[in-house]
Amino acid sequence: MARTIYKICTETAWRDAERAGRFDGAPIDLADGYIHFSTGEQVKETAAKHFAGQRDLLLAAFDAEALGGALRWEASRGGALFPHLYATVDPSTALWVKPLTLGTDGSHIFPAALS
């Protein structure tokens, strides 16, 4: 399984989480009962499918192993295994957080290296 996993969220939600010292997830995470993450191979498709054209997003990288036993790899889109965290996460444990801006074609611009 991937060592580094990624969370896309709004800058507002992330800054609120930093102030609170915990990220409970976006509305979809709360509805599903876990925080959705993606691997480096999955994150661009996740952005295109769930965040198309959306501005003010951040991409946060996490060490999958450091999230412990609350992280489960479960089948989702097309049967691929996606990382789902059945817990809150401390924003200070992110390896890095970077803006996920939109290009002129309306697609998101990702960091050169996703790790």
PDB file of N, CA and C in Angstrom:
ATOM      1  N   MET A   1       0.839  -1.193   0.000  1.00  0.00           N
ATOM      2  CA  MET A   1       0.000   0.000   0.000  1.00  0.00           C
ATOM      3  C   MET A   1       0.885   1.260   0.000  1.00  0.00           C
ATOM      4  N   ALA A   2       0.274   2.342  -0.408  1.00  0.00           N
ATOM      5  CA  ALA A   2       1.005   3.607  -0.505  1.00  0.00           C
ATOM      6  C   ALA A   2       1.441   4.084   0.876  1.00  0.00           C
ATOM      7  N   ARG A   3       2.616   4.631   0.927  1.00  0.00           N
ATOM      8  CA  ARG A   3       3.099   5.178   2.197  1.00  0.00           C
ATOM      9  C   ARG A   3       2.535   6.578   2.435  1.00  0.00           C
ATOM     10  N   THR A   4       2.459   7.397   1.381  1.00  0.00           N
ATOM     11  CA  THR A   4       1.924   8.750   1.507  1.00  0.00           C
ATOM     12  C   THR A   4       0.538   8.779   0.882  1.00  0.00           C
ATOM     13  N   ILE A   5      -0.414   9.345   1.621  1.00  0.00           N
ATOM     14  CA  ILE A   5      -1.774   9.494   1.121  1.00  0.00           C
ATOM     15  C   ILE A   5      -2.162  10.965   1.215  1.00  0.00           C
ATOM     16  N   TYR A   6      -3.232  11.341   0.512  1.00  0.00           N
ATOM     17  CA  TYR A   6      -3.547  12.750   0.330  1.00  0.00           C
ATOM     18  C   TYR A   6      -5.005  13.041   0.627  1.00  0.00           C
ATOM     19  N   LYS A   7      -5.233  14.229   1.177  1.00  0.00           N
ATOM     20  CA  LYS A   7      -6.573  14.730   1.445  1.00  0.00           C
ATOM     21  C   LYS A   7      -6.729  16.071   0.748  1.00  0.00           C
ATOM     22  N   ILE A   8      -7.795  16.205  -0.016  1.00  0.00           N
ATOM     23  CA  ILE A   8      -8.157  17.486  -0.633  1.00  0.00           C
ATOM     24  C   ILE A   8      -9.259  18.088   0.214  1.00  0.00           C
ATOM     25  N   CYS A   9      -9.114  19.340   0.576  1.00  0.00           N
ATOM     26  CA  CYS A   9     -10.184  20.020   1.310  1.00  0.00           C
ATOM     27  C   CYS A   9     -10.098  21.520   1.072  1.00  0.00           C
ATOM     28  N   THR A  10     -11.125  22.209   1.471  1.00  0.00           N
ATOM     29  CA  THR A  10     -11.118  23.657   1.305  1.00  0.00           C
ATOM     30  C   THR A  10     -10.125  24.276   2.284  1.00  0.00           C
ATOM     31  N   GLU A  11      -9.610  25.418   1.908  1.00  0.00           N
ATOM     32  CA  GLU A  11      -8.685  26.108   2.803  1.00  0.00           C
ATOM     33  C   GLU A  11      -9.389  26.495   4.098  1.00  0.00           C
ATOM     34  N   THR A  12     -10.644  26.903   4.005  1.00  0.00           N
ATOM     35  CA  THR A  12     -11.407  27.284   5.201  1.00  0.00           C
ATOM     36  C   THR A  12     -11.518  26.111   6.172  1.00  0.00           C
ATOM     37  N   ALA A  13     -11.867  24.931   5.647  1.00  0.00           N
ATOM     38  CA  ALA A  13     -12.003  23.751   6.515  1.00  0.00           C
ATOM     39  C   ALA A  13     -10.672  23.397   7.163  1.00  0.00           C
ATOM     40  N   TRP A  14      -9.582  23.509   6.402  1.00  0.00           N
ATOM     41  CA  TRP A  14      -8.267  23.168   6.947  1.00  0.00           C
ATOM     42  C   TRP A  14      -7.845  24.167   8.021  1.00  0.00           C
ATOM     43  N   ARG A  15      -8.037  25.441   7.757  1.00  0.00           N
ATOM     44  CA  ARG A  15      -7.648  26.458   8.753  1.00  0.00           C
ATOM     45  C   ARG A  15      -8.484  26.309  10.027  1.00  0.00           C
ATOM     46  N   ASP A  16      -9.772  25.990   9.880  1.00  0.00           N
ATOM     47  CA  ASP A  16     -10.618  25.727  11.054  1.00  0.00           C
ATOM     48  C   ASP A  16     -10.081  24.540  11.839  1.00  0.00           C
ATOM     49  N   ALA A  17      -9.663  23.502  11.124  1.00  0.00           N
ATOM     50  CA  ALA A  17      -9.111  22.311  11.768  1.00  0.00           C
ATOM     51  C   ALA A  17      -7.804  22.629  12.493  1.00  0.00           C
ATOM     52  N   GLU A  18      -6.978  23.458  11.882  1.00  0.00           N
ATOM     53  CA  GLU A  18      -5.727  23.852  12.541  1.00  0.00           C
ATOM     54  C   GLU A  18      -6.022  24.570  13.859  1.00  0.00           C
ATOM     55  N   ARG A  19      -6.991  25.462  13.832  1.00  0.00           N
ATOM     56  CA  ARG A  19      -7.353  26.180  15.065  1.00  0.00           C
ATOM     57  C   ARG A  19      -7.912  25.231  16.124  1.00  0.00           C
ATOM     58  N   ALA A  20      -8.693  24.259  15.691  1.00  0.00           N
ATOM     59  CA  ALA A  20      -9.317  23.308  16.614  1.00  0.00           C
ATOM     60  C   ALA A  20      -8.359  22.195  17.053  1.00  0.00           C
ATOM     61  N   GLY A  21      -7.293  21.979  16.273  1.00  0.00           N
ATOM     62  CA  GLY A  21      -6.354  20.908  16.587  1.00  0.00           C
ATOM     63  C   GLY A  21      -6.841  19.541  16.126  1.00  0.00           C
ATOM     64  N   ARG A  22      -7.877  19.513  15.287  1.00  0.00           N
ATOM     65  CA  ARG A  22      -8.384  18.248  14.760  1.00  0.00           C
ATOM     66  C   ARG A  22      -9.205  18.486  13.504  1.00  0.00           C
ATOM     67  N   PHE A  23      -9.056  17.564  12.563  1.00  0.00           N
ATOM     68  CA  PHE A  23      -9.832  17.609  11.333  1.00  0.00           C
ATOM     69  C   PHE A  23     -10.820  16.456  11.392  1.00  0.00           C
ATOM     70  N   ASP A  24     -12.100  16.797  11.433  1.00  0.00           N
ATOM     71  CA  ASP A  24     -13.152  15.776  11.498  1.00  0.00           C
ATOM     72  C   ASP A  24     -13.577  15.309  10.122  1.00  0.00           C
ATOM     73  N   GLY A  25     -13.222  16.087   9.099  1.00  0.00           N
ATOM     74  CA  GLY A  25     -13.574  15.744   7.738  1.00  0.00           C
ATOM     75  C   GLY A  25     -14.501  16.767   7.118  1.00  0.00           C
ATOM     76  N   ALA A  26     -14.638  16.651   5.811  1.00  0.00           N
ATOM     77  CA  ALA A  26     -15.558  17.481   5.040  1.00  0.00           C
ATOM     78  C   ALA A  26     -16.971  16.914   5.199  1.00  0.00           C
ATOM     79  N   PRO A  27     -17.982  17.626   4.729  1.00  0.00           N
ATOM     80  CA  PRO A  27     -19.353  17.113   4.857  1.00  0.00           C
ATOM     81  C   PRO A  27     -19.532  15.686   4.318  1.00  0.00           C
ATOM     82  N   ILE A  28     -18.901  15.353   3.193  1.00  0.00           N
ATOM     83  CA  ILE A  28     -19.025  13.992   2.654  1.00  0.00           C
ATOM     84  C   ILE A  28     -18.389  12.972   3.592  1.00  0.00           C
ATOM     85  N   ASP A  29     -17.293  13.341   4.235  1.00  0.00           N
ATOM     86  CA  ASP A  29     -16.634  12.451   5.194  1.00  0.00           C
ATOM     87  C   ASP A  29     -17.550  12.194   6.388  1.00  0.00           C
ATOM     88  N   LEU A  30     -18.133  13.256   6.892  1.00  0.00           N
ATOM     89  CA  LEU A  30     -19.027  13.131   8.045  1.00  0.00           C
ATOM     90  C   LEU A  30     -20.231  12.262   7.692  1.00  0.00           C
ATOM     91  N   ALA A  31     -20.768  12.434   6.496  1.00  0.00           N
ATOM     92  CA  ALA A  31     -21.920  11.636   6.062  1.00  0.00           C
ATOM     93  C   ALA A  31     -21.556  10.157   5.917  1.00  0.00           C
ATOM     94  N   ASP A  32     -20.337   9.875   5.427  1.00  0.00           N
ATOM     95  CA  ASP A  32     -19.919   8.492   5.196  1.00  0.00           C
ATOM     96  C   ASP A  32     -19.339   7.816   6.446  1.00  0.00           C
ATOM     97  N   GLY A  33     -18.967   8.599   7.450  1.00  0.00           N
ATOM     98  CA  GLY A  33     -18.449   8.028   8.690  1.00  0.00           C
ATOM     99  C   GLY A  33     -16.954   7.795   8.698  1.00  0.00           C
ATOM    100  N   TYR A  34     -16.247   8.329   7.718  1.00  0.00           N
ATOM    101  CA  TYR A  34     -14.791   8.218   7.669  1.00  0.00           C
ATOM    102  C   TYR A  34     -14.249   9.342   6.792  1.00  0.00           C
ATOM    103  N   ILE A  35     -12.953   9.622   6.945  1.00  0.00           N
ATOM    104  CA  ILE A  35     -12.308  10.651   6.135  1.00  0.00           C
ATOM    105  C   ILE A  35     -11.736   9.987   4.890  1.00  0.00           C
ATOM    106  N   HIS A  36     -12.147  10.489   3.726  1.00  0.00           N
ATOM    107  CA  HIS A  36     -11.679   9.979   2.441  1.00  0.00           C
ATOM    108  C   HIS A  36     -10.273  10.502   2.148  1.00  0.00           C
ATOM    109  N   PHE A  37      -9.369   9.611   1.807  1.00  0.00           N
ATOM    110  CA  PHE A  37      -8.035   9.956   1.342  1.00  0.00           C
ATOM    111  C   PHE A  37      -7.843   9.314  -0.028  1.00  0.00           C
ATOM    112  N   SER A  38      -6.797   9.704  -0.716  1.00  0.00           N
ATOM    113  CA  SER A  38      -6.424   9.114  -2.001  1.00  0.00           C
ATOM    114  C   SER A  38      -4.931   8.864  -2.013  1.00  0.00           C
ATOM    115  N   THR A  39      -4.523   7.897  -2.823  1.00  0.00           N
ATOM    116  CA  THR A  39      -3.095   7.685  -3.055  1.00  0.00           C
ATOM    117  C   THR A  39      -2.637   8.685  -4.117  1.00  0.00           C
ATOM    118  N   GLY A  40      -1.353   8.742  -4.346  1.00  0.00           N
ATOM    119  CA  GLY A  40      -0.816   9.607  -5.393  1.00  0.00           C
ATOM    120  C   GLY A  40      -1.362   9.257  -6.763  1.00  0.00           C
ATOM    121  N   GLU A  41      -1.632   7.986  -6.993  1.00  0.00           N
ATOM    122  CA  GLU A  41      -2.175   7.546  -8.276  1.00  0.00           C
ATOM    123  C   GLU A  41      -3.664   7.899  -8.421  1.00  0.00           C
ATOM    124  N   GLN A  42      -4.348   8.095  -7.311  1.00  0.00           N
ATOM    125  CA  GLN A  42      -5.796   8.328  -7.325  1.00  0.00           C
ATOM    126  C   GLN A  42      -6.193   9.793  -7.195  1.00  0.00           C
ATOM    127  N   VAL A  43      -5.313  10.624  -6.654  1.00  0.00           N
ATOM    128  CA  VAL A  43      -5.717  11.959  -6.220  1.00  0.00           C
ATOM    129  C   VAL A  43      -6.131  12.886  -7.372  1.00  0.00           C
ATOM    130  N   LYS A  44      -5.508  12.758  -8.530  1.00  0.00           N
ATOM    131  CA  LYS A  44      -5.897  13.627  -9.645  1.00  0.00           C
ATOM    132  C   LYS A  44      -7.306  13.298 -10.133  1.00  0.00           C
ATOM    133  N   GLU A  45      -7.630  12.018 -10.197  1.00  0.00           N
ATOM    134  CA  GLU A  45      -8.987  11.626 -10.588  1.00  0.00           C
ATOM    135  C   GLU A  45      -9.995  12.053  -9.517  1.00  0.00           C
ATOM    136  N   THR A  46      -9.613  11.950  -8.258  1.00  0.00           N
ATOM    137  CA  THR A  46     -10.481  12.403  -7.170  1.00  0.00           C
ATOM    138  C   THR A  46     -10.779  13.889  -7.323  1.00  0.00           C
ATOM    139  N   ALA A  47      -9.758  14.676  -7.607  1.00  0.00           N
ATOM    140  CA  ALA A  47      -9.950  16.120  -7.790  1.00  0.00           C
ATOM    141  C   ALA A  47     -10.881  16.397  -8.959  1.00  0.00           C
ATOM    142  N   ALA A  48     -10.665  15.712 -10.072  1.00  0.00           N
ATOM    143  CA  ALA A  48     -11.489  15.939 -11.257  1.00  0.00           C
ATOM    144  C   ALA A  48     -12.936  15.524 -11.029  1.00  0.00           C
ATOM    145  N   LYS A  49     -13.134  14.435 -10.303  1.00  0.00           N
ATOM    146  CA  LYS A  49     -14.484  13.910 -10.099  1.00  0.00           C
ATOM    147  C   LYS A  49     -15.264  14.665  -9.033  1.00  0.00           C
ATOM    148  N   HIS A  50     -14.613  15.021  -7.942  1.00  0.00           N
ATOM    149  CA  HIS A  50     -15.320  15.586  -6.789  1.00  0.00           C
ATOM    150  C   HIS A  50     -15.079  17.078  -6.549  1.00  0.00           C
ATOM    151  N   PHE A  51     -14.068  17.654  -7.201  1.00  0.00           N
ATOM    152  CA  PHE A  51     -13.722  19.056  -6.942  1.00  0.00           C
ATOM    153  C   PHE A  51     -13.545  19.860  -8.226  1.00  0.00           C
ATOM    154  N   ALA A  52     -14.123  19.411  -9.321  1.00  0.00           N
ATOM    155  CA  ALA A  52     -13.950  20.066 -10.625  1.00  0.00           C
ATOM    156  C   ALA A  52     -14.273  21.555 -10.550  1.00  0.00           C
ATOM    157  N   GLY A  53     -13.324  22.363 -11.008  1.00  0.00           N
ATOM    158  CA  GLY A  53     -13.513  23.804 -11.068  1.00  0.00           C
ATOM    159  C   GLY A  53     -13.512  24.526  -9.735  1.00  0.00           C
ATOM    160  N   GLN A  54     -13.319  23.806  -8.659  1.00  0.00           N
ATOM    161  CA  GLN A  54     -13.386  24.414  -7.329  1.00  0.00           C
ATOM    162  C   GLN A  54     -12.069  25.099  -6.971  1.00  0.00           C
ATOM    163  N   ARG A  55     -12.184  26.308  -6.458  1.00  0.00           N
ATOM    164  CA  ARG A  55     -11.022  27.096  -6.029  1.00  0.00           C
ATOM    165  C   ARG A  55     -10.850  26.982  -4.519  1.00  0.00           C
ATOM    166  N   ASP A  56      -9.797  27.584  -4.010  1.00  0.00           N
ATOM    167  CA  ASP A  56      -9.531  27.645  -2.570  1.00  0.00           C
ATOM    168  C   ASP A  56      -9.393  26.262  -1.936  1.00  0.00           C
ATOM    169  N   LEU A  57      -8.713  25.372  -2.643  1.00  0.00           N
ATOM    170  CA  LEU A  57      -8.478  24.032  -2.118  1.00  0.00           C
ATOM    171  C   LEU A  57      -7.035  23.877  -1.677  1.00  0.00           C
ATOM    172  N   LEU A  58      -6.851  22.969  -0.734  1.00  0.00           N
ATOM    173  CA  LEU A  58      -5.518  22.590  -0.285  1.00  0.00           C
ATOM    174  C   LEU A  58      -5.355  21.091  -0.470  1.00  0.00           C
ATOM    175  N   LEU A  59      -4.126  20.678  -0.664  1.00  0.00           N
ATOM    176  CA  LEU A  59      -3.769  19.268  -0.733  1.00  0.00           C
ATOM    177  C   LEU A  59      -2.846  18.994   0.447  1.00  0.00           C
ATOM    178  N   ALA A  60      -3.267  18.079   1.315  1.00  0.00           N
ATOM    179  CA  ALA A  60      -2.476  17.721   2.493  1.00  0.00           C
ATOM    180  C   ALA A  60      -1.960  16.296   2.334  1.00  0.00           C
ATOM    181  N   ALA A  61      -0.677  16.102   2.608  1.00  0.00           N
ATOM    182  CA  ALA A  61      -0.046  14.789   2.517  1.00  0.00           C
ATOM    183  C   ALA A  61       0.135  14.220   3.927  1.00  0.00           C
ATOM    184  N   PHE A  62      -0.132  12.911   4.051  1.00  0.00           N
ATOM    185  CA  PHE A  62      -0.003  12.228   5.335  1.00  0.00           C
ATOM    186  C   PHE A  62       0.747  10.917   5.160  1.00  0.00           C
ATOM    187  N   ASP A  63       1.468  10.528   6.197  1.00  0.00           N
ATOM    188  CA  ASP A  63       2.105   9.223   6.253  1.00  0.00           C
ATOM    189  C   ASP A  63       1.029   8.219   6.650  1.00  0.00           C
ATOM    190  N   ALA A  64       0.703   7.303   5.749  1.00  0.00           N
ATOM    191  CA  ALA A  64      -0.374   6.340   5.992  1.00  0.00           C
ATOM    192  C   ALA A  64      -0.106   5.496   7.239  1.00  0.00           C
ATOM    193  N   GLU A  65       1.116   5.050   7.418  1.00  0.00           N
ATOM    194  CA  GLU A  65       1.447   4.201   8.564  1.00  0.00           C
ATOM    195  C   GLU A  65       1.253   4.933   9.882  1.00  0.00           C
ATOM    196  N   ALA A  66       1.542   6.231   9.906  1.00  0.00           N
ATOM    197  CA  ALA A  66       1.421   7.011  11.137  1.00  0.00           C
ATOM    198  C   ALA A  66      -0.030   7.169  11.579  1.00  0.00           C
ATOM    199  N   LEU A  67      -0.982   6.953  10.671  1.00  0.00           N
ATOM    200  CA  LEU A  67      -2.401   7.087  11.024  1.00  0.00           C
ATOM    201  C   LEU A  67      -2.913   5.865  11.778  1.00  0.00           C
ATOM    202  N   GLY A  68      -2.144   4.794  11.797  1.00  0.00           N
ATOM    203  CA  GLY A  68      -2.460   3.640  12.631  1.00  0.00           C
ATOM    204  C   GLY A  68      -3.616   2.781  12.142  1.00  0.00           C
ATOM    205  N   GLY A  69      -4.167   2.022  13.079  1.00  0.00           N
ATOM    206  CA  GLY A  69      -5.194   1.039  12.780  1.00  0.00           C
ATOM    207  C   GLY A  69      -6.537   1.597  12.362  1.00  0.00           C
ATOM    208  N   ALA A  70      -6.759   2.885  12.553  1.00  0.00           N
ATOM    209  CA  ALA A  70      -8.026   3.492  12.128  1.00  0.00           C
ATOM    210  C   ALA A  70      -8.069   3.706  10.620  1.00  0.00           C
ATOM    211  N   LEU A  71      -6.926   3.524   9.945  1.00  0.00           N
ATOM    212  CA  LEU A  71      -6.868   3.658   8.491  1.00  0.00           C
ATOM    213  C   LEU A  71      -7.130   2.292   7.873  1.00  0.00           C
ATOM    214  N   ARG A  72      -8.139   2.246   7.015  1.00  0.00           N
ATOM    215  CA  ARG A  72      -8.491   0.996   6.334  1.00  0.00           C
ATOM    216  C   ARG A  72      -8.450   1.217   4.826  1.00  0.00           C
ATOM    217  N   TRP A  73      -8.033   0.191   4.111  1.00  0.00           N
ATOM    218  CA  TRP A  73      -8.000   0.223   2.653  1.00  0.00           C
ATOM    219  C   TRP A  73      -9.232  -0.509   2.159  1.00  0.00           C
ATOM    220  N   GLU A  74     -10.138   0.230   1.527  1.00  0.00           N
ATOM    221  CA  GLU A  74     -11.423  -0.338   1.139  1.00  0.00           C
ATOM    222  C   GLU A  74     -11.701  -0.095  -0.341  1.00  0.00           C
ATOM    223  N   ALA A  75     -12.387  -1.056  -0.951  1.00  0.00           N
ATOM    224  CA  ALA A  75     -12.729  -0.960  -2.369  1.00  0.00           C
ATOM    225  C   ALA A  75     -13.699   0.191  -2.596  1.00  0.00           C
ATOM    226  N   SER A  76     -13.418   0.946  -3.636  1.00  0.00           N
ATOM    227  CA  SER A  76     -14.278   2.064  -4.013  1.00  0.00           C
ATOM    228  C   SER A  76     -14.291   2.124  -5.523  1.00  0.00           C
ATOM    229  N   ARG A  77     -14.094   3.312  -6.076  1.00  0.00           N
ATOM    230  CA  ARG A  77     -14.156   3.561  -7.513  1.00  0.00           C
ATOM    231  C   ARG A  77     -13.495   2.442  -8.337  1.00  0.00           C
ATOM    232  N   GLY A  78     -14.304   1.714  -9.097  1.00  0.00           N
ATOM    233  CA  GLY A  78     -13.777   0.671  -9.964  1.00  0.00           C
ATOM    234  C   GLY A  78     -13.120  -0.481  -9.230  1.00  0.00           C
ATOM    235  N   GLY A  79     -13.402  -0.636  -7.949  1.00  0.00           N
ATOM    236  CA  GLY A  79     -12.814  -1.711  -7.167  1.00  0.00           C
ATOM    237  C   GLY A  79     -11.437  -1.396  -6.605  1.00  0.00           C
ATOM    238  N   ALA A  80     -10.902  -0.212  -6.924  1.00  0.00           N
ATOM    239  CA  ALA A  80      -9.589   0.179  -6.396  1.00  0.00           C
ATOM    240  C   ALA A  80      -9.666   0.367  -4.884  1.00  0.00           C
ATOM    241  N   LEU A  81      -8.587   0.048  -4.200  1.00  0.00           N
ATOM    242  CA  LEU A  81      -8.529   0.237  -2.753  1.00  0.00           C
ATOM    243  C   LEU A  81      -8.177   1.682  -2.431  1.00  0.00           C
ATOM    244  N   PHE A  82      -9.041   2.312  -1.643  1.00  0.00           N
ATOM    245  CA  PHE A  82      -8.833   3.695  -1.217  1.00  0.00           C
ATOM    246  C   PHE A  82      -8.618   3.730   0.284  1.00  0.00           C
ATOM    247  N   PRO A  83      -7.762   4.639   0.766  1.00  0.00           N
ATOM    248  CA  PRO A  83      -7.552   4.784   2.208  1.00  0.00           C
ATOM    249  C   PRO A  83      -8.683   5.581   2.841  1.00  0.00           C
ATOM    250  N   HIS A  84      -9.305   4.985   3.860  1.00  0.00           N
ATOM    251  CA  HIS A  84     -10.382   5.618   4.615  1.00  0.00           C
ATOM    252  C   HIS A  84      -9.989   5.637   6.087  1.00  0.00           C
ATOM    253  N   LEU A  85     -10.054   6.809   6.700  1.00  0.00           N
ATOM    254  CA  LEU A  85      -9.667   6.952   8.100  1.00  0.00           C
ATOM    255  C   LEU A  85     -10.910   7.043   8.975  1.00  0.00           C
ATOM    256  N   TYR A  86     -11.054   6.088   9.868  1.00  0.00           N
ATOM    257  CA  TYR A  86     -12.190   6.036  10.784  1.00  0.00           C
ATOM    258  C   TYR A  86     -11.809   6.694  12.106  1.00  0.00           C
ATOM    259  N   ALA A  87     -11.372   7.927  12.019  1.00  0.00           N
ATOM    260  CA  ALA A  87     -10.963   8.725  13.177  1.00  0.00           C
ATOM    261  C   ALA A  87     -10.768  10.160  12.706  1.00  0.00           C
ATOM    262  N   THR A  88     -10.596  11.048  13.643  1.00  0.00           N
ATOM    263  CA  THR A  88     -10.205  12.406  13.279  1.00  0.00           C
ATOM    264  C   THR A  88      -8.694  12.407  13.077  1.00  0.00           C
ATOM    265  N   VAL A  89      -8.190  13.489  12.513  1.00  0.00           N
ATOM    266  CA  VAL A  89      -6.749  13.583  12.306  1.00  0.00           C
ATOM    267  C   VAL A  89      -6.270  14.945  12.799  1.00  0.00           C
ATOM    268  N   ASP A  90      -5.116  14.950  13.417  1.00  0.00           N
ATOM    269  CA  ASP A  90      -4.493  16.183  13.881  1.00  0.00           C
ATOM    270  C   ASP A  90      -3.824  16.841  12.678  1.00  0.00           C
ATOM    271  N   PRO A  91      -4.244  18.047  12.312  1.00  0.00           N
ATOM    272  CA  PRO A  91      -3.646  18.703  11.142  1.00  0.00           C
ATOM    273  C   PRO A  91      -2.136  18.880  11.250  1.00  0.00           C
ATOM    274  N   SER A  92      -1.615  18.957  12.453  1.00  0.00           N
ATOM    275  CA  SER A  92      -0.173  19.148  12.621  1.00  0.00           C
ATOM    276  C   SER A  92       0.619  17.911  12.211  1.00  0.00           C
ATOM    277  N   THR A  93      -0.058  16.779  11.987  1.00  0.00           N
ATOM    278  CA  THR A  93       0.642  15.566  11.567  1.00  0.00           C
ATOM    279  C   THR A  93       0.809  15.483  10.047  1.00  0.00           C
ATOM    280  N   ALA A  94       0.270  16.450   9.330  1.00  0.00           N
ATOM    281  CA  ALA A  94       0.444  16.461   7.871  1.00  0.00           C
ATOM    282  C   ALA A  94       1.933  16.606   7.544  1.00  0.00           C
ATOM    283  N   LEU A  95       2.379  15.863   6.545  1.00  0.00           N
ATOM    284  CA  LEU A  95       3.766  15.983   6.088  1.00  0.00           C
ATOM    285  C   LEU A  95       3.984  17.333   5.427  1.00  0.00           C
ATOM    286  N   TRP A  96       2.980  17.767   4.671  1.00  0.00           N
ATOM    287  CA  TRP A  96       2.968  19.094   4.057  1.00  0.00           C
ATOM    288  C   TRP A  96       1.550  19.408   3.601  1.00  0.00           C
ATOM    289  N   VAL A  97       1.306  20.699   3.416  1.00  0.00           N
ATOM    290  CA  VAL A  97       0.017  21.187   2.915  1.00  0.00           C
ATOM    291  C   VAL A  97       0.332  22.235   1.860  1.00  0.00           C
ATOM    292  N   LYS A  98      -0.244  22.061   0.664  1.00  0.00           N
ATOM    293  CA  LYS A  98       0.040  22.982  -0.437  1.00  0.00           C
ATOM    294  C   LYS A  98      -1.254  23.399  -1.125  1.00  0.00           C
ATOM    295  N   PRO A  99      -1.263  24.595  -1.704  1.00  0.00           N
ATOM    296  CA  PRO A  99      -2.449  25.032  -2.451  1.00  0.00           C
ATOM    297  C   PRO A  99      -2.672  24.139  -3.676  1.00  0.00           C
ATOM    298  N   LEU A 100      -3.933  23.916  -3.982  1.00  0.00           N
ATOM    299  CA  LEU A 100      -4.316  23.164  -5.172  1.00  0.00           C
ATOM    300  C   LEU A 100      -5.056  24.147  -6.070  1.00  0.00           C
ATOM    301  N   THR A 101      -4.289  24.819  -6.907  1.00  0.00           N
ATOM    302  CA  THR A 101      -4.843  25.886  -7.729  1.00  0.00           C
ATOM    303  C   THR A 101      -5.398  25.348  -9.042  1.00  0.00           C
ATOM    304  N   LEU A 102      -6.152  26.203  -9.726  1.00  0.00           N
ATOM    305  CA  LEU A 102      -6.719  25.841 -11.021  1.00  0.00           C
ATOM    306  C   LEU A 102      -5.865  26.401 -12.140  1.00  0.00           C
ATOM    307  N   GLY A 103      -5.671  25.595 -13.160  1.00  0.00           N
ATOM    308  CA  GLY A 103      -4.978  26.046 -14.360  1.00  0.00           C
ATOM    309  C   GLY A 103      -5.943  26.766 -15.281  1.00  0.00           C
ATOM    310  N   THR A 104      -5.432  27.311 -16.349  1.00  0.00           N
ATOM    311  CA  THR A 104      -6.277  28.045 -17.296  1.00  0.00           C
ATOM    312  C   THR A 104      -7.313  27.150 -17.957  1.00  0.00           C
ATOM    313  N   ASP A 105      -7.049  25.837 -17.992  1.00  0.00           N
ATOM    314  CA  ASP A 105      -8.019  24.906 -18.574  1.00  0.00           C
ATOM    315  C   ASP A 105      -9.067  24.438 -17.566  1.00  0.00           C
ATOM    316  N   GLY A 106      -8.978  24.925 -16.327  1.00  0.00           N
ATOM    317  CA  GLY A 106      -9.956  24.576 -15.301  1.00  0.00           C
ATOM    318  C   GLY A 106      -9.619  23.325 -14.505  1.00  0.00           C
ATOM    319  N   SER A 107      -8.501  22.658 -14.834  1.00  0.00           N
ATOM    320  CA  SER A 107      -8.100  21.494 -14.057  1.00  0.00           C
ATOM    321  C   SER A 107      -7.102  21.924 -12.974  1.00  0.00           C
ATOM    322  N   HIS A 108      -7.021  21.127 -11.941  1.00  0.00           N
ATOM    323  CA  HIS A 108      -6.145  21.471 -10.811  1.00  0.00           C
ATOM    324  C   HIS A 108      -4.674  21.217 -11.150  1.00  0.00           C
ATOM    325  N   ILE A 109      -3.836  22.064 -10.596  1.00  0.00           N
ATOM    326  CA  ILE A 109      -2.396  21.949 -10.771  1.00  0.00           C
ATOM    327  C   ILE A 109      -1.815  21.317  -9.510  1.00  0.00           C
ATOM    328  N   PHE A 110      -1.201  20.160  -9.669  1.00  0.00           N
ATOM    329  CA  PHE A 110      -0.664  19.405  -8.535  1.00  0.00           C
ATOM    330  C   PHE A 110       0.826  19.674  -8.374  1.00  0.00           C
ATOM    331  N   PRO A 111       1.329  19.524  -7.141  1.00  0.00           N
ATOM    332  CA  PRO A 111       2.772  19.641  -6.922  1.00  0.00           C
ATOM    333  C   PRO A 111       3.515  18.669  -7.831  1.00  0.00           C
ATOM    334  N   ALA A 112       4.711  19.031  -8.244  1.00  0.00           N
ATOM    335  CA  ALA A 112       5.502  18.203  -9.162  1.00  0.00           C
ATOM    336  C   ALA A 112       5.676  16.789  -8.624  1.00  0.00           C
ATOM    337  N   ALA A 113       5.956  16.679  -7.345  1.00  0.00           N
ATOM    338  CA  ALA A 113       6.098  15.371  -6.703  1.00  0.00           C
ATOM    339  C   ALA A 113       5.046  15.253  -5.622  1.00  0.00           C
ATOM    340  N   LEU A 114       4.265  14.203  -5.671  1.00  0.00           N
ATOM    341  CA  LEU A 114       3.195  14.022  -4.686  1.00  0.00           C
ATOM    342  C   LEU A 114       3.682  13.264  -3.456  1.00  0.00           C
ATOM    343  N   SER A 115       4.893  13.552  -3.010  1.00  0.00           N
ATOM    344  CA  SER A 115       5.357  12.912  -1.775  1.00  0.00           C
ATOM    345  C   SER A 115       6.409  13.767  -1.136  1.00  0.00           C
TER     346      SER A 115
END
